[in-house]
Amino acid sequence: MRNQVAIDGRLLKRSALRYTPAGIPAIDMVIGHNSIQIEAGGERQTRCEIETVAIGDVAVRLSAHKLNQILRVRGFLSRRSLTNQKLVLHVVDAKSISNE
């Protein structure tokens, strides 16, 4: 089954780099997306804020990014935890793209 997400957005919030009990780096972020999409033959303004988490080397790299920087992120969706069903984007790749 497929579970892939790719989206561009601004880094709106970023926690401090933390470490899991196993010693793996992790960081929580919020990415804000704003664009015009085509739906049913017409333009639609889309806006959303997406909670994300990055683990490992990606987390370390993202900890150096500044707020409001535009990122292209790729990852997969999963619930936050076994007891919290809220969806979170788990980032497996991210790169800066030029500010528009």
C-alpha atoms as a PDB file:
ATOM      1  CA  MET A   1       0.000   0.000   0.000  1.00  0.00           C
ATOM      2  CA  ARG A   2       1.165   3.506  -0.784  1.00  0.00           C
ATOM      3  CA  ASN A   3       1.667   6.192   1.882  1.00  0.00           C
ATOM      4  CA  GLN A   4       3.704   9.056   0.426  1.00  0.00           C
ATOM      5  CA  VAL A   5       3.416  12.806   0.898  1.00  0.00           C
ATOM      6  CA  ALA A   6       5.407  15.590  -0.768  1.00  0.00           C
ATOM      7  CA  ILE A   7       4.663  19.236  -0.014  1.00  0.00           C
ATOM      8  CA  ASP A   8       6.329  22.642  -0.071  1.00  0.00           C
ATOM      9  CA  GLY A   9       5.758  25.047   2.795  1.00  0.00           C
ATOM     10  CA  ARG A  10       7.186  27.520   5.244  1.00  0.00           C
ATOM     11  CA  LEU A  11       8.735  26.387   8.504  1.00  0.00           C
ATOM     12  CA  LEU A  12       6.349  28.005  10.985  1.00  0.00           C
ATOM     13  CA  LYS A  13       7.391  26.321  14.241  1.00  0.00           C
ATOM     14  CA  ARG A  14      10.263  24.132  15.309  1.00  0.00           C
ATOM     15  CA  SER A  15      11.003  22.532  18.654  1.00  0.00           C
ATOM     16  CA  ALA A  16      14.481  22.122  20.039  1.00  0.00           C
ATOM     17  CA  LEU A  17      16.359  19.049  18.887  1.00  0.00           C
ATOM     18  CA  ARG A  18      15.650  16.235  21.340  1.00  0.00           C
ATOM     19  CA  TYR A  19      16.763  12.645  21.682  1.00  0.00           C
ATOM     20  CA  THR A  20      14.628   9.520  21.983  1.00  0.00           C
ATOM     21  CA  PRO A  21      15.292   7.075  24.839  1.00  0.00           C
ATOM     22  CA  ALA A  22      17.374   5.110  22.293  1.00  0.00           C
ATOM     23  CA  GLY A  23      19.548   8.210  21.700  1.00  0.00           C
ATOM     24  CA  ILE A  24      18.185   9.016  18.216  1.00  0.00           C
ATOM     25  CA  PRO A  25      17.761  12.724  17.382  1.00  0.00           C
ATOM     26  CA  ALA A  26      14.201  13.951  16.766  1.00  0.00           C
ATOM     27  CA  ILE A  27      12.522  17.287  16.065  1.00  0.00           C
ATOM     28  CA  ASP A  28       8.891  18.409  15.856  1.00  0.00           C
ATOM     29  CA  MET A  29       7.871  21.094  13.371  1.00  0.00           C
ATOM     30  CA  VAL A  30       4.860  22.775  11.798  1.00  0.00           C
ATOM     31  CA  ILE A  31       4.935  23.441   8.050  1.00  0.00           C
ATOM     32  CA  GLY A  32       2.528  26.008   6.592  1.00  0.00           C
ATOM     33  CA  HIS A  33       1.345  25.515   3.007  1.00  0.00           C
ATOM     34  CA  ASN A  34      -0.458  28.081   0.819  1.00  0.00           C
ATOM     35  CA  SER A  35      -1.166  27.559  -2.895  1.00  0.00           C
ATOM     36  CA  ILE A  36      -3.757  27.547  -5.642  1.00  0.00           C
ATOM     37  CA  GLN A  37      -4.855  24.098  -6.803  1.00  0.00           C
ATOM     38  CA  ILE A  38      -7.176  23.008  -9.596  1.00  0.00           C
ATOM     39  CA  GLU A  39     -10.283  21.128  -8.470  1.00  0.00           C
ATOM     40  CA  ALA A  40     -13.279  20.242 -10.663  1.00  0.00           C
ATOM     41  CA  GLY A  41     -11.933  22.528 -13.377  1.00  0.00           C
ATOM     42  CA  GLY A  42     -11.648  25.598 -11.145  1.00  0.00           C
ATOM     43  CA  GLU A  43      -9.020  27.242  -8.988  1.00  0.00           C
ATOM     44  CA  ARG A  44      -9.105  26.699  -5.260  1.00  0.00           C
ATOM     45  CA  GLN A  45      -7.008  28.531  -2.655  1.00  0.00           C
ATOM     46  CA  THR A  46      -5.510  25.966  -0.276  1.00  0.00           C
ATOM     47  CA  ARG A  47      -4.038  26.684   3.129  1.00  0.00           C
ATOM     48  CA  CYS A  48      -3.026  24.288   5.855  1.00  0.00           C
ATOM     49  CA  GLU A  49      -0.620  23.751   8.700  1.00  0.00           C
ATOM     50  CA  ILE A  50       0.905  20.308   8.980  1.00  0.00           C
ATOM     51  CA  GLU A  51       2.459  18.862  12.108  1.00  0.00           C
ATOM     52  CA  THR A  52       5.632  16.996  11.263  1.00  0.00           C
ATOM     53  CA  VAL A  53       8.336  15.004  12.989  1.00  0.00           C
ATOM     54  CA  ALA A  54      11.795  14.135  11.709  1.00  0.00           C
ATOM     55  CA  ILE A  55      14.048  11.435  13.147  1.00  0.00           C
ATOM     56  CA  GLY A  56      17.776  10.786  12.776  1.00  0.00           C
ATOM     57  CA  ASP A  57      20.046  12.710  10.402  1.00  0.00           C
ATOM     58  CA  VAL A  58      17.090  14.582   8.859  1.00  0.00           C
ATOM     59  CA  ALA A  59      16.210  15.926  12.320  1.00  0.00           C
ATOM     60  CA  VAL A  60      19.757  17.177  12.861  1.00  0.00           C
ATOM     61  CA  ARG A  61      19.777  18.949   9.474  1.00  0.00           C
ATOM     62  CA  LEU A  62      16.358  20.526  10.062  1.00  0.00           C
ATOM     63  CA  SER A  63      17.375  21.824  13.494  1.00  0.00           C
ATOM     64  CA  ALA A  64      19.597  24.362  11.702  1.00  0.00           C
ATOM     65  CA  HIS A  65      16.832  25.771   9.466  1.00  0.00           C
ATOM     66  CA  LYS A  66      15.416  29.184  10.265  1.00  0.00           C
ATOM     67  CA  LEU A  67      11.756  29.924  10.801  1.00  0.00           C
ATOM     68  CA  ASN A  68       9.869  31.126   7.717  1.00  0.00           C
ATOM     69  CA  GLN A  69      12.282  29.273   5.423  1.00  0.00           C
ATOM     70  CA  ILE A  70      10.586  27.448   2.536  1.00  0.00           C
ATOM     71  CA  LEU A  71      11.143  23.699   2.596  1.00  0.00           C
ATOM     72  CA  ARG A  72      10.243  20.843   0.297  1.00  0.00           C
ATOM     73  CA  VAL A  73       9.460  17.866   2.524  1.00  0.00           C
ATOM     74  CA  ARG A  74       8.734  14.266   1.667  1.00  0.00           C
ATOM     75  CA  GLY A  75       7.540  11.565   4.002  1.00  0.00           C
ATOM     76  CA  PHE A  76       4.623   9.450   5.170  1.00  0.00           C
ATOM     77  CA  LEU A  77       1.579   9.862   7.402  1.00  0.00           C
ATOM     78  CA  SER A  78       1.115   8.026  10.669  1.00  0.00           C
ATOM     79  CA  ARG A  79      -0.751   8.638  13.896  1.00  0.00           C
ATOM     80  CA  ARG A  80       1.165  10.502  16.584  1.00  0.00           C
ATOM     81  CA  SER A  81       1.306   7.524  18.955  1.00  0.00           C
ATOM     82  CA  LEU A  82      -0.468   4.312  19.874  1.00  0.00           C
ATOM     83  CA  THR A  83      -2.937   6.284  21.974  1.00  0.00           C
ATOM     84  CA  ASN A  84      -3.147   9.501  19.885  1.00  0.00           C
ATOM     85  CA  GLN A  85      -4.855   9.073  16.510  1.00  0.00           C
ATOM     86  CA  LYS A  86      -3.905  12.569  15.219  1.00  0.00           C
ATOM     87  CA  LEU A  87      -2.042  12.374  11.899  1.00  0.00           C
ATOM     88  CA  VAL A  88       1.562  13.549  11.709  1.00  0.00           C
ATOM     89  CA  LEU A  89       3.802  13.772   8.653  1.00  0.00           C
ATOM     90  CA  HIS A  90       7.009  11.820   9.310  1.00  0.00           C
ATOM     91  CA  VAL A  91       9.672  13.587   7.266  1.00  0.00           C
ATOM     92  CA  VAL A  92      12.199  11.304   5.571  1.00  0.00           C
ATOM     93  CA  ASP A  93      13.712  13.966   3.282  1.00  0.00           C
ATOM     94  CA  ALA A  94      13.739  17.762   3.321  1.00  0.00           C
ATOM     95  CA  LYS A  95      15.538  20.498   1.461  1.00  0.00           C
ATOM     96  CA  SER A  96      15.445  24.267   1.320  1.00  0.00           C
ATOM     97  CA  ILE A  97      13.966  25.886  -1.746  1.00  0.00           C
ATOM     98  CA  SER A  98      14.228  29.548  -2.635  1.00  0.00           C
ATOM     99  CA  ASN A  99      11.844  31.948  -0.902  1.00  0.00           C
ATOM    100  CA  GLU A 100       9.058  33.073  -3.194  1.00  0.00           C
END
